[in-house]
Structures are given as C-alpha cells and as structure tokens.
Amino acid sequence: MPLNSQDKQEIEKIAKKEIRDFMSSTQAHKIVVQTIKDELGLGSKKVDDKIVDLSTKVVVELFKTLWQRKSFWENALKSVR
C-alpha cells in the first residue's frame, strides 16, 4: 500500500523528534560543533580576516555585475508601482 501525504508527514514528524531527542540526550551535537570549530579555527583573527576579504570580493563582484547588466533589470524596477 503506497504512503499518502498524511503518512509521510507523520513519518517526518517522528524522525525529527527522534533526531532532536538523540541530539539533546548525547554530547553528539557539542562534539560535532567543536570538531568543526577546531578544523576551521573559528574565532581566529586569520579566519575572520579571510571571511571579511571574501565577503568584500563577493559584494564588489555583485555590484559590478548588476551595473554591467543594468539595462536588464532597470526597466523592470521602474515599472513597479
């Protein structure tokens, strides 16, 4: 018998609850977060500087692309009222 949408929602609800219970009852969440922090070196000045540099490059590239393709989106924005 195929599952209907109500059955799928119930299975999803049960799975989410089981995962939530497991993560709250064990140290798994803390271990995963700590491992990621250790690997990335989060909080270090070096990583923070790289994040700022990358973010700046992304924003500059975005605005450059928007300016170069201004004719594509400019009329659509002008016609919105």
PDB file of N, CA and C in Angstrom:
ATOM      1  N   MET A   1       0.848  -1.167   0.000  1.00  0.00           N
ATOM      2  CA  MET A   1       0.000   0.000   0.000  1.00  0.00           C
ATOM      3  C   MET A   1       0.903   1.242   0.000  1.00  0.00           C
ATOM      4  N   PRO A   2       0.711   2.162  -0.956  1.00  0.00           N
ATOM      5  CA  PRO A   2       1.538   3.370  -1.005  1.00  0.00           C
ATOM      6  C   PRO A   2       1.202   4.324   0.147  1.00  0.00           C
ATOM      7  N   LEU A   3       2.204   5.102   0.500  1.00  0.00           N
ATOM      8  CA  LEU A   3       2.015   6.076   1.578  1.00  0.00           C
ATOM      9  C   LEU A   3       1.322   7.316   1.042  1.00  0.00           C
ATOM     10  N   ASN A   4       0.381   7.832   1.804  1.00  0.00           N
ATOM     11  CA  ASN A   4      -0.240   9.089   1.409  1.00  0.00           C
ATOM     12  C   ASN A   4       0.506  10.239   2.098  1.00  0.00           C
ATOM     13  N   SER A   5       0.102  11.444   1.816  1.00  0.00           N
ATOM     14  CA  SER A   5       0.822  12.610   2.342  1.00  0.00           C
ATOM     15  C   SER A   5       0.736  12.696   3.863  1.00  0.00           C
ATOM     16  N   GLN A   6      -0.364  12.264   4.432  1.00  0.00           N
ATOM     17  CA  GLN A   6      -0.507  12.290   5.894  1.00  0.00           C
ATOM     18  C   GLN A   6       0.467  11.303   6.541  1.00  0.00           C
ATOM     19  N   ASP A   7       0.635  10.128   5.935  1.00  0.00           N
ATOM     20  CA  ASP A   7       1.598   9.153   6.442  1.00  0.00           C
ATOM     21  C   ASP A   7       3.019   9.701   6.371  1.00  0.00           C
ATOM     22  N   LYS A   8       3.351  10.338   5.252  1.00  0.00           N
ATOM     23  CA  LYS A   8       4.676  10.916   5.079  1.00  0.00           C
ATOM     24  C   LYS A   8       4.948  12.000   6.117  1.00  0.00           C
ATOM     25  N   GLN A   9       3.963  12.827   6.387  1.00  0.00           N
ATOM     26  CA  GLN A   9       4.119  13.886   7.392  1.00  0.00           C
ATOM     27  C   GLN A   9       4.335  13.289   8.775  1.00  0.00           C
ATOM     28  N   GLU A  10       3.615  12.231   9.085  1.00  0.00           N
ATOM     29  CA  GLU A  10       3.754  11.575  10.380  1.00  0.00           C
ATOM     30  C   GLU A  10       5.147  10.947  10.525  1.00  0.00           C
ATOM     31  N   ILE A  11       5.642  10.322   9.462  1.00  0.00           N
ATOM     32  CA  ILE A  11       6.986   9.739   9.488  1.00  0.00           C
ATOM     33  C   ILE A  11       8.034  10.833   9.669  1.00  0.00           C
ATOM     34  N   GLU A  12       7.861  11.924   8.958  1.00  0.00           N
ATOM     35  CA  GLU A  12       8.796  13.054   9.077  1.00  0.00           C
ATOM     36  C   GLU A  12       8.793  13.614  10.500  1.00  0.00           C
ATOM     37  N   LYS A  13       7.619  13.739  11.072  1.00  0.00           N
ATOM     38  CA  LYS A  13       7.477  14.248  12.443  1.00  0.00           C
ATOM     39  C   LYS A  13       8.192  13.331  13.439  1.00  0.00           C
ATOM     40  N   ILE A  14       8.008  12.030  13.285  1.00  0.00           N
ATOM     41  CA  ILE A  14       8.643  11.054  14.180  1.00  0.00           C
ATOM     42  C   ILE A  14      10.161  11.098  14.025  1.00  0.00           C
ATOM     43  N   ALA A  15      10.632  11.165  12.785  1.00  0.00           N
ATOM     44  CA  ALA A  15      12.081  11.195  12.537  1.00  0.00           C
ATOM     45  C   ALA A  15      12.709  12.449  13.142  1.00  0.00           C
ATOM     46  N   LYS A  16      12.073  13.594  12.962  1.00  0.00           N
ATOM     47  CA  LYS A  16      12.595  14.840  13.537  1.00  0.00           C
ATOM     48  C   LYS A  16      12.659  14.760  15.056  1.00  0.00           C
ATOM     49  N   LYS A  17      11.619  14.189  15.666  1.00  0.00           N
ATOM     50  CA  LYS A  17      11.599  14.057  17.115  1.00  0.00           C
ATOM     51  C   LYS A  17      12.720  13.155  17.595  1.00  0.00           C
ATOM     52  N   GLU A  18      12.927  12.028  16.907  1.00  0.00           N
ATOM     53  CA  GLU A  18      13.993  11.092  17.281  1.00  0.00           C
ATOM     54  C   GLU A  18      15.367  11.754  17.180  1.00  0.00           C
ATOM     55  N   ILE A  19      15.590  12.495  16.101  1.00  0.00           N
ATOM     56  CA  ILE A  19      16.878  13.183  15.936  1.00  0.00           C
ATOM     57  C   ILE A  19      17.059  14.228  17.024  1.00  0.00           C
ATOM     58  N   ARG A  20      16.010  14.990  17.294  1.00  0.00           N
ATOM     59  CA  ARG A  20      16.076  16.028  18.333  1.00  0.00           C
ATOM     60  C   ARG A  20      16.360  15.410  19.697  1.00  0.00           C
ATOM     61  N   ASP A  21      15.689  14.313  19.998  1.00  0.00           N
ATOM     62  CA  ASP A  21      15.909  13.632  21.278  1.00  0.00           C
ATOM     63  C   ASP A  21      17.326  13.093  21.384  1.00  0.00           C
ATOM     64  N   PHE A  22      17.832  12.505  20.299  1.00  0.00           N
ATOM     65  CA  PHE A  22      19.189  11.970  20.306  1.00  0.00           C
ATOM     66  C   PHE A  22      20.214  13.081  20.509  1.00  0.00           C
ATOM     67  N   MET A  23      20.032  14.185  19.779  1.00  0.00           N
ATOM     68  CA  MET A  23      20.999  15.280  19.876  1.00  0.00           C
ATOM     69  C   MET A  23      20.973  15.930  21.261  1.00  0.00           C
ATOM     70  N   SER A  24      19.823  15.980  21.893  1.00  0.00           N
ATOM     71  CA  SER A  24      19.752  16.607  23.214  1.00  0.00           C
ATOM     72  C   SER A  24      20.183  15.659  24.333  1.00  0.00           C
ATOM     73  N   SER A  25      20.089  14.355  24.103  1.00  0.00           N
ATOM     74  CA  SER A  25      20.423  13.405  25.163  1.00  0.00           C
ATOM     75  C   SER A  25      21.885  12.975  25.144  1.00  0.00           C
ATOM     76  N   THR A  26      22.599  13.293  24.075  1.00  0.00           N
ATOM     77  CA  THR A  26      24.007  12.910  23.983  1.00  0.00           C
ATOM     78  C   THR A  26      24.870  14.145  23.793  1.00  0.00           C
ATOM     79  N   GLN A  27      26.143  13.933  23.759  1.00  0.00           N
ATOM     80  CA  GLN A  27      27.086  15.016  23.523  1.00  0.00           C
ATOM     81  C   GLN A  27      27.410  15.148  22.028  1.00  0.00           C
ATOM     82  N   ALA A  28      26.646  14.460  21.183  1.00  0.00           N
ATOM     83  CA  ALA A  28      26.941  14.437  19.744  1.00  0.00           C
ATOM     84  C   ALA A  28      26.966  15.843  19.157  1.00  0.00           C
ATOM     85  N   HIS A  29      25.990  16.648  19.502  1.00  0.00           N
ATOM     86  CA  HIS A  29      25.910  17.997  18.955  1.00  0.00           C
ATOM     87  C   HIS A  29      27.141  18.805  19.342  1.00  0.00           C
ATOM     88  N   LYS A  30      27.515  18.750  20.608  1.00  0.00           N
ATOM     89  CA  LYS A  30      28.676  19.507  21.073  1.00  0.00           C
ATOM     90  C   LYS A  30      29.960  19.007  20.422  1.00  0.00           C
ATOM     91  N   ILE A  31      30.061  17.691  20.239  1.00  0.00           N
ATOM     92  CA  ILE A  31      31.255  17.124  19.619  1.00  0.00           C
ATOM     93  C   ILE A  31      31.375  17.577  18.167  1.00  0.00           C
ATOM     94  N   VAL A  32      30.269  17.553  17.444  1.00  0.00           N
ATOM     95  CA  VAL A  32      30.283  17.973  16.045  1.00  0.00           C
ATOM     96  C   VAL A  32      30.649  19.449  15.935  1.00  0.00           C
ATOM     97  N   VAL A  33      30.021  20.273  16.750  1.00  0.00           N
ATOM     98  CA  VAL A  33      30.308  21.710  16.715  1.00  0.00           C
ATOM     99  C   VAL A  33      31.763  21.984  17.074  1.00  0.00           C
ATOM    100  N   GLN A  34      32.279  21.323  18.083  1.00  0.00           N
ATOM    101  CA  GLN A  34      33.665  21.526  18.496  1.00  0.00           C
ATOM    102  C   GLN A  34      34.639  21.071  17.413  1.00  0.00           C
ATOM    103  N   THR A  35      34.341  19.951  16.764  1.00  0.00           N
ATOM    104  CA  THR A  35      35.196  19.460  15.682  1.00  0.00           C
ATOM    105  C   THR A  35      35.256  20.451  14.532  1.00  0.00           C
ATOM    106  N   ILE A  36      34.097  20.994  14.173  1.00  0.00           N
ATOM    107  CA  ILE A  36      34.054  21.987  13.093  1.00  0.00           C
ATOM    108  C   ILE A  36      34.840  23.229  13.485  1.00  0.00           C
ATOM    109  N   LYS A  37      34.674  23.694  14.714  1.00  0.00           N
ATOM    110  CA  LYS A  37      35.419  24.859  15.172  1.00  0.00           C
ATOM    111  C   LYS A  37      36.915  24.602  15.153  1.00  0.00           C
ATOM    112  N   ASP A  38      37.315  23.405  15.581  1.00  0.00           N
ATOM    113  CA  ASP A  38      38.734  23.069  15.588  1.00  0.00           C
ATOM    114  C   ASP A  38      39.300  23.025  14.179  1.00  0.00           C
ATOM    115  N   GLU A  39      38.549  22.422  13.261  1.00  0.00           N
ATOM    116  CA  GLU A  39      39.028  22.289  11.888  1.00  0.00           C
ATOM    117  C   GLU A  39      39.125  23.641  11.190  1.00  0.00           C
ATOM    118  N   LEU A  40      38.136  24.487  11.410  1.00  0.00           N
ATOM    119  CA  LEU A  40      38.124  25.784  10.742  1.00  0.00           C
ATOM    120  C   LEU A  40      38.921  26.840  11.484  1.00  0.00           C
ATOM    121  N   GLY A  41      39.185  26.600  12.742  1.00  0.00           N
ATOM    122  CA  GLY A  41      39.894  27.597  13.522  1.00  0.00           C
ATOM    123  C   GLY A  41      39.041  28.844  13.718  1.00  0.00           C
ATOM    124  N   LEU A  42      37.755  28.613  13.905  1.00  0.00           N
ATOM    125  CA  LEU A  42      36.841  29.736  14.051  1.00  0.00           C
ATOM    126  C   LEU A  42      37.220  30.608  15.231  1.00  0.00           C
ATOM    127  N   GLY A  43      37.054  31.875  15.026  1.00  0.00           N
ATOM    128  CA  GLY A  43      37.368  32.818  16.082  1.00  0.00           C
ATOM    129  C   GLY A  43      38.779  33.353  15.977  1.00  0.00           C
ATOM    130  N   SER A  44      39.591  32.731  15.132  1.00  0.00           N
ATOM    131  CA  SER A  44      40.951  33.239  14.991  1.00  0.00           C
ATOM    132  C   SER A  44      40.939  34.451  14.073  1.00  0.00           C
ATOM    133  N   LYS A  45      41.849  35.333  14.288  1.00  0.00           N
ATOM    134  CA  LYS A  45      41.936  36.568  13.518  1.00  0.00           C
ATOM    135  C   LYS A  45      42.176  36.264  12.044  1.00  0.00           C
ATOM    136  N   LYS A  46      42.964  35.233  11.770  1.00  0.00           N
ATOM    137  CA  LYS A  46      43.287  34.870  10.396  1.00  0.00           C
ATOM    138  C   LYS A  46      42.029  34.482   9.614  1.00  0.00           C
ATOM    139  N   VAL A  47      41.187  33.645  10.205  1.00  0.00           N
ATOM    140  CA  VAL A  47      39.954  33.210   9.543  1.00  0.00           C
ATOM    141  C   VAL A  47      38.982  34.382   9.409  1.00  0.00           C
ATOM    142  N   ASP A  48      38.878  35.198  10.455  1.00  0.00           N
ATOM    143  CA  ASP A  48      37.990  36.352  10.389  1.00  0.00           C
ATOM    144  C   ASP A  48      38.400  37.298   9.259  1.00  0.00           C
ATOM    145  N   ASP A  49      39.698  37.506   9.094  1.00  0.00           N
ATOM    146  CA  ASP A  49      40.186  38.365   8.020  1.00  0.00           C
ATOM    147  C   ASP A  49      39.865  37.780   6.651  1.00  0.00           C
ATOM    148  N   LYS A  50      39.979  36.453   6.519  1.00  0.00           N
ATOM    149  CA  LYS A  50      39.660  35.803   5.255  1.00  0.00           C
ATOM    150  C   LYS A  50      38.173  35.922   4.934  1.00  0.00           C
ATOM    151  N   ILE A  51      37.337  35.788   5.965  1.00  0.00           N
ATOM    152  CA  ILE A  51      35.887  35.910   5.758  1.00  0.00           C
ATOM    153  C   ILE A  51      35.528  37.317   5.305  1.00  0.00           C
ATOM    154  N   VAL A  52      36.132  38.326   5.930  1.00  0.00           N
ATOM    155  CA  VAL A  52      35.872  39.716   5.548  1.00  0.00           C
ATOM    156  C   VAL A  52      36.342  39.956   4.119  1.00  0.00           C
ATOM    157  N   ASP A  53      37.524  39.460   3.781  1.00  0.00           N
ATOM    158  CA  ASP A  53      38.072  39.642   2.442  1.00  0.00           C
ATOM    159  C   ASP A  53      37.181  38.987   1.398  1.00  0.00           C
ATOM    160  N   LEU A  54      36.762  37.761   1.654  1.00  0.00           N
ATOM    161  CA  LEU A  54      35.895  37.047   0.717  1.00  0.00           C
ATOM    162  C   LEU A  54      34.540  37.743   0.574  1.00  0.00           C
ATOM    163  N   SER A  55      33.972  38.172   1.683  1.00  0.00           N
ATOM    164  CA  SER A  55      32.679  38.864   1.644  1.00  0.00           C
ATOM    165  C   SER A  55      32.775  40.144   0.836  1.00  0.00           C
ATOM    166  N   THR A  56      33.858  40.873   1.017  1.00  0.00           N
ATOM    167  CA  THR A  56      34.063  42.119   0.282  1.00  0.00           C
ATOM    168  C   THR A  56      34.149  41.840  -1.212  1.00  0.00           C
ATOM    169  N   LYS A  57      34.908  40.822  -1.590  1.00  0.00           N
ATOM    170  CA  LYS A  57      35.033  40.479  -3.004  1.00  0.00           C
ATOM    171  C   LYS A  57      33.698  40.085  -3.612  1.00  0.00           C
ATOM    172  N   VAL A  58      32.893  39.337  -2.858  1.00  0.00           N
ATOM    173  CA  VAL A  58      31.585  38.901  -3.358  1.00  0.00           C
ATOM    174  C   VAL A  58      30.666  40.098  -3.584  1.00  0.00           C
ATOM    175  N   VAL A  59      30.642  41.020  -2.633  1.00  0.00           N
ATOM    176  CA  VAL A  59      29.766  42.189  -2.760  1.00  0.00           C
ATOM    177  C   VAL A  59      30.223  43.076  -3.917  1.00  0.00           C
ATOM    178  N   VAL A  60      31.521  43.277  -4.049  1.00  0.00           N
ATOM    179  CA  VAL A  60      32.040  44.095  -5.149  1.00  0.00           C
ATOM    180  C   VAL A  60      31.679  43.461  -6.491  1.00  0.00           C
ATOM    181  N   GLU A  61      31.845  42.158  -6.596  1.00  0.00           N
ATOM    182  CA  GLU A  61      31.516  41.454  -7.837  1.00  0.00           C
ATOM    183  C   GLU A  61      30.019  41.528  -8.141  1.00  0.00           C
ATOM    184  N   LEU A  62      29.201  41.429  -7.101  1.00  0.00           N
ATOM    185  CA  LEU A  62      27.750  41.539  -7.282  1.00  0.00           C
ATOM    186  C   LEU A  62      27.376  42.899  -7.860  1.00  0.00           C
ATOM    187  N   PHE A  63      27.892  43.964  -7.248  1.00  0.00           N
ATOM    188  CA  PHE A  63      27.554  45.300  -7.728  1.00  0.00           C
ATOM    189  C   PHE A  63      28.111  45.556  -9.125  1.00  0.00           C
ATOM    190  N   LYS A  64      29.292  45.016  -9.414  1.00  0.00           N
ATOM    191  CA  LYS A  64      29.867  45.167 -10.747  1.00  0.00           C
ATOM    192  C   LYS A  64      28.972  44.491 -11.782  1.00  0.00           C
ATOM    193  N   THR A  65      28.513  43.279 -11.465  1.00  0.00           N
ATOM    194  CA  THR A  65      27.642  42.546 -12.381  1.00  0.00           C
ATOM    195  C   THR A  65      26.298  43.252 -12.549  1.00  0.00           C
ATOM    196  N   LEU A  66      25.749  43.754 -11.453  1.00  0.00           N
ATOM    197  CA  LEU A  66      24.477  44.481 -11.550  1.00  0.00           C
ATOM    198  C   LEU A  66      24.631  45.739 -12.412  1.00  0.00           C
ATOM    199  N   TRP A  67      25.749  46.421 -12.270  1.00  0.00           N
ATOM    200  CA  TRP A  67      25.964  47.634 -13.056  1.00  0.00           C
ATOM    201  C   TRP A  67      26.111  47.288 -14.538  1.00  0.00           C
ATOM    202  N   GLN A  68      26.845  46.226 -14.833  1.00  0.00           N
ATOM    203  CA  GLN A  68      27.053  45.837 -16.224  1.00  0.00           C
ATOM    204  C   GLN A  68      25.765  45.381 -16.889  1.00  0.00           C
ATOM    205  N   ARG A  69      24.862  44.829 -16.135  1.00  0.00           N
ATOM    206  CA  ARG A  69      23.587  44.347 -16.684  1.00  0.00           C
ATOM    207  C   ARG A  69      22.428  45.236 -16.261  1.00  0.00           C
ATOM    208  N   LYS A  70      22.724  46.491 -16.062  1.00  0.00           N
ATOM    209  CA  LYS A  70      21.734  47.447 -15.577  1.00  0.00           C
ATOM    210  C   LYS A  70      20.521  47.518 -16.495  1.00  0.00           C
ATOM    211  N   SER A  71      20.737  47.494 -17.784  1.00  0.00           N
ATOM    212  CA  SER A  71      19.614  47.612 -18.717  1.00  0.00           C
ATOM    213  C   SER A  71      18.651  46.431 -18.602  1.00  0.00           C
ATOM    214  N   PHE A  72      19.144  45.308 -18.127  1.00  0.00           N
ATOM    215  CA  PHE A  72      18.305  44.118 -17.995  1.00  0.00           C
ATOM    216  C   PHE A  72      17.268  44.281 -16.895  1.00  0.00           C
ATOM    217  N   TRP A  73      17.635  44.868 -15.737  1.00  0.00           N
ATOM    218  CA  TRP A  73      16.727  44.937 -14.599  1.00  0.00           C
ATOM    219  C   TRP A  73      16.190  46.332 -14.324  1.00  0.00           C
ATOM    220  N   GLU A  74      16.798  47.363 -14.909  1.00  0.00           N
ATOM    221  CA  GLU A  74      16.404  48.735 -14.597  1.00  0.00           C
ATOM    222  C   GLU A  74      14.961  49.030 -14.992  1.00  0.00           C
ATOM    223  N   ASN A  75      14.567  48.648 -16.196  1.00  0.00           N
ATOM    224  CA  ASN A  75      13.196  48.922 -16.652  1.00  0.00           C
ATOM    225  C   ASN A  75      12.161  48.152 -15.835  1.00  0.00           C
ATOM    226  N   ALA A  76      12.503  46.936 -15.433  1.00  0.00           N
ATOM    227  CA  ALA A  76      11.558  46.158 -14.627  1.00  0.00           C
ATOM    228  C   ALA A  76      11.318  46.819 -13.279  1.00  0.00           C
ATOM    229  N   LEU A  77      12.356  47.402 -12.696  1.00  0.00           N
ATOM    230  CA  LEU A  77      12.177  48.082 -11.416  1.00  0.00           C
ATOM    231  C   LEU A  77      11.445  49.412 -11.560  1.00  0.00           C
ATOM    232  N   LYS A  78      11.670  50.083 -12.652  1.00  0.00           N
ATOM    233  CA  LYS A  78      10.990  51.370 -12.869  1.00  0.00           C
ATOM    234  C   LYS A  78       9.490  51.171 -13.063  1.00  0.00           C
ATOM    235  N   SER A  79       9.105  50.045 -13.631  1.00  0.00           N
ATOM    236  CA  SER A  79       7.682  49.823 -13.915  1.00  0.00           C
ATOM    237  C   SER A  79       6.906  49.317 -12.695  1.00  0.00           C
ATOM    238  N   VAL A  80       7.575  49.007 -11.610  1.00  0.00           N
ATOM    239  CA  VAL A  80       6.890  48.534 -10.396  1.00  0.00           C
ATOM    240  C   VAL A  80       6.305  49.729  -9.672  1.00  0.00           C
ATOM    241  N   ARG A  81       5.054  49.661  -9.411  1.00  0.00           N
ATOM    242  CA  ARG A  81       4.411  50.786  -8.702  1.00  0.00           C
ATOM    243  C   ARG A  81       3.504  50.249  -7.641  1.00  0.00           C
TER     244      ARG A  81
END
